[in-house]
Each structure stands twice: as structure tokens, then as C-alpha cells.
Amino acid sequence: MSATETAGSTSAAVNESVVVTGAAGWLGENLMRTLAPERAQIKALVRDEREAALVDVLSPGVTAVIGDVRDPAAIAKVFEGTESPTVFHTAGVIHATTGVREFFDVNTGGTELVLDGAKRAGAAKVVHVSSNSPFGANPTPDDVFTEDSPFNPYMSYGASKLEAEQIAQRYASHGDLDVVIVRPPWFYGPWQPARQTQFLRTVRRGRFPMVGDGTQRRSMVYTGNLVEGLLCAERADVPSGSAYWIADAEPYALADIFAGIREAFVAEGYEVTEGRIRIPRIAAQLAEFCDGRLQALGKYSQGMHVMGELKDTIACDISRARAEIGYDPQVALVEGMRASIRWCVEHGEAL
């Protein structure tokens, strides 16, 4: 039985017409490099000329459209000339640069514009990329999120992504669009942003702080696994509005994540520093408190936000994605981190 012939799903023909938002982002770049050799027409929404150049060279079938996901004119242009496309909505803001309003303008408002454009274009399917943040942290260290877990959004980002999911569900429930929602946790892999390279570098050098004893667990997803999850969601014959966790096979303890990164560096020929900075859980709790106060004032600090989350278990169960859409992650932490390191080397990123 193939991955696309599992119980509860039916393999669908590949759609030659595709629209990708956030096409030059971390996830978007990985998705585009998978789609470009296979699809006849890809309309790619990007932010500027530099990003347009990155995607235009991938295939003659790729057309970059420069614009903002918040701009109705840009959304109309990216759908122009498409015929019942599959829409991969990957655009979003994870760490705001202008304050918390940016989360809602891009993640919520942008999603509504994209879905409206998809409806007008008669989209065959929309694969909407959500997040773990609408669910917050697991209530106990042994808990895992399932598709039936209650929403408990974490800070402004989580609230903005929850509102985006609710908009997607509204389009699905009204019969306006065939929508599948995927919920990836913390992801890693090639085409990463500078913040991820800095994270790898600080772990290699023993400078990234370990909160508490490191037993708190985190689900992560290698970008290659995530792209496969998006394609499984596209192919699957499941009810509109279905949502799935897409992650690596099992959650990792935070200490094991750090150890896996160091193992990957060693395997790639790097020296690593085994020592690590440890901070008490209460320091992360203080960071979370300060983060909340800042966000209440409309401000956002990436460092404060990341530190506040490090104390938590954020783990999910991918059983339903395995059973219903044929998702089967093939890459685990060390292999995926090695790919990230090699990408950094190839692109001149200092590690």
C-alpha cells in the first residue's frame, strides 16, 4: 500500500496549476524547489525583486508576482490567469519586526485575502499552513496535542494564527473552498533564516541556554518532511476543513535536540563545545511575564519570546496524519540538522 493509498484517503491527480504565497520564505523556498520541476504553472507571491529572482530561475513555469499578502491588488494578480489552482498558503510572520499588530495584519488579514482570492479563482484546494501556537503549551510534560485538543493560543502570534484557522474553517464550512489545514511545530532545514543559523552556531559553541534540566519535549519538523506533508494534504481526499499535525516521527527532549545538533556538527567535521549555559526555569517564567507585558503594549521582543517558551513542552501526535493523508516522515533530527549545516556551508553562512 502506497503512502497515498492509506485508509481514509484517495490519491488525487497532480494539479498542474499552483499558487504559492510566501514562496521565497523558509518553507516556501523548500516547497518551490519540490514543485518547480513537476508543475506546469506556478504563480509565486514574493516580497521584492531579490525574492523574485530566487524563484524565477527554478523553472520556466514559475511566474513571480511581487507584492504583499496584505494587498488585495497583489492577491488578485497572483491568481490572474490560473485555472482551478492548488493554493499553498505558506506566508506568515513568526517574529514581528514592527509590533504585535503585524501578526494580525499578515497572519489573519492576509489569510482572509488569500482565501477570498482562491474562492474567486475557483481553487481546487487550499493547503493552509497554521502552527502549534494556537494550542499553546501542553498542560503536562507527558501530554501530546492531537487534532481534538482545545485551543489555548500563546500570545499574539498564537491568537493571530488561531483567527486565521477560524477563517479557513469558515470558508470550508460554507462550502466556498476545499481547505486542509496543516499544523507544523518548530521547523528546521535548508533555506533557513539568519535566526536559525545563529541558533545552530550558539548551540555548537555551548552558548545557547538550557532551561531547567532539558527534559521538556518539543516536536520539530524537518522542512523536507513538512513539504511532503503539504503534498500529502493536497493529494488526500478528506473532508474540507480537516486539520493535521505535521512533525517528525516523535517529539524530542530539549537536551536531546542540543545533543543532536552537536552530533550533526561532529559528523560534518566541526569541533563542538560540550559545556552549556544552564538557567533556572524561573528565569524563563520571568521572560514570559515580560513578553506578555510588552505585547500588551503592542511591542514584541523576539529574544524574550523565545526564552519564555523554552521552559515548555510543546509536543504533538501525528497519528491522524499518518492514517488519513498518508504522511510518513523519513528524516529525523541528526540527518536533518546535517542537511542544514551543509546548506550553511554552501551559502557561506558562518557556523
Foldseek 3Di string as FASTA:
>chain_A
DALQPFPQWHFDDDAQFEEEEPCLAQLNVVLLLVCAVPHQAYEYEDADPVSQVSNCVSHVRYDYQHDALLDLVSLLVSLPPTAQHEYEYPDADPADDPFLVRRQSRLQNSLLSNLVSNLVRNHQEYEYEAELQQQPFDPDLPDADFPPHDGDHDASNNVNRVNSLVSQLVCQVVVSHQYEYEYEYAEAFFSHDPVVLVVLVCLQAQEDEQEDPQQAWEFYAYSVLVSVLSVLRVGTDHRRSHYFYGTPQWIDRRVVLSVLSNVLCVVVPHHGDPHHHYDYNVVLVVLSVVQNVQNVVRHHDPVSVVSVPSSGHHHHHGVVSCRNRSRDDDDDRNRRSNNHVVNCVVVVHDD
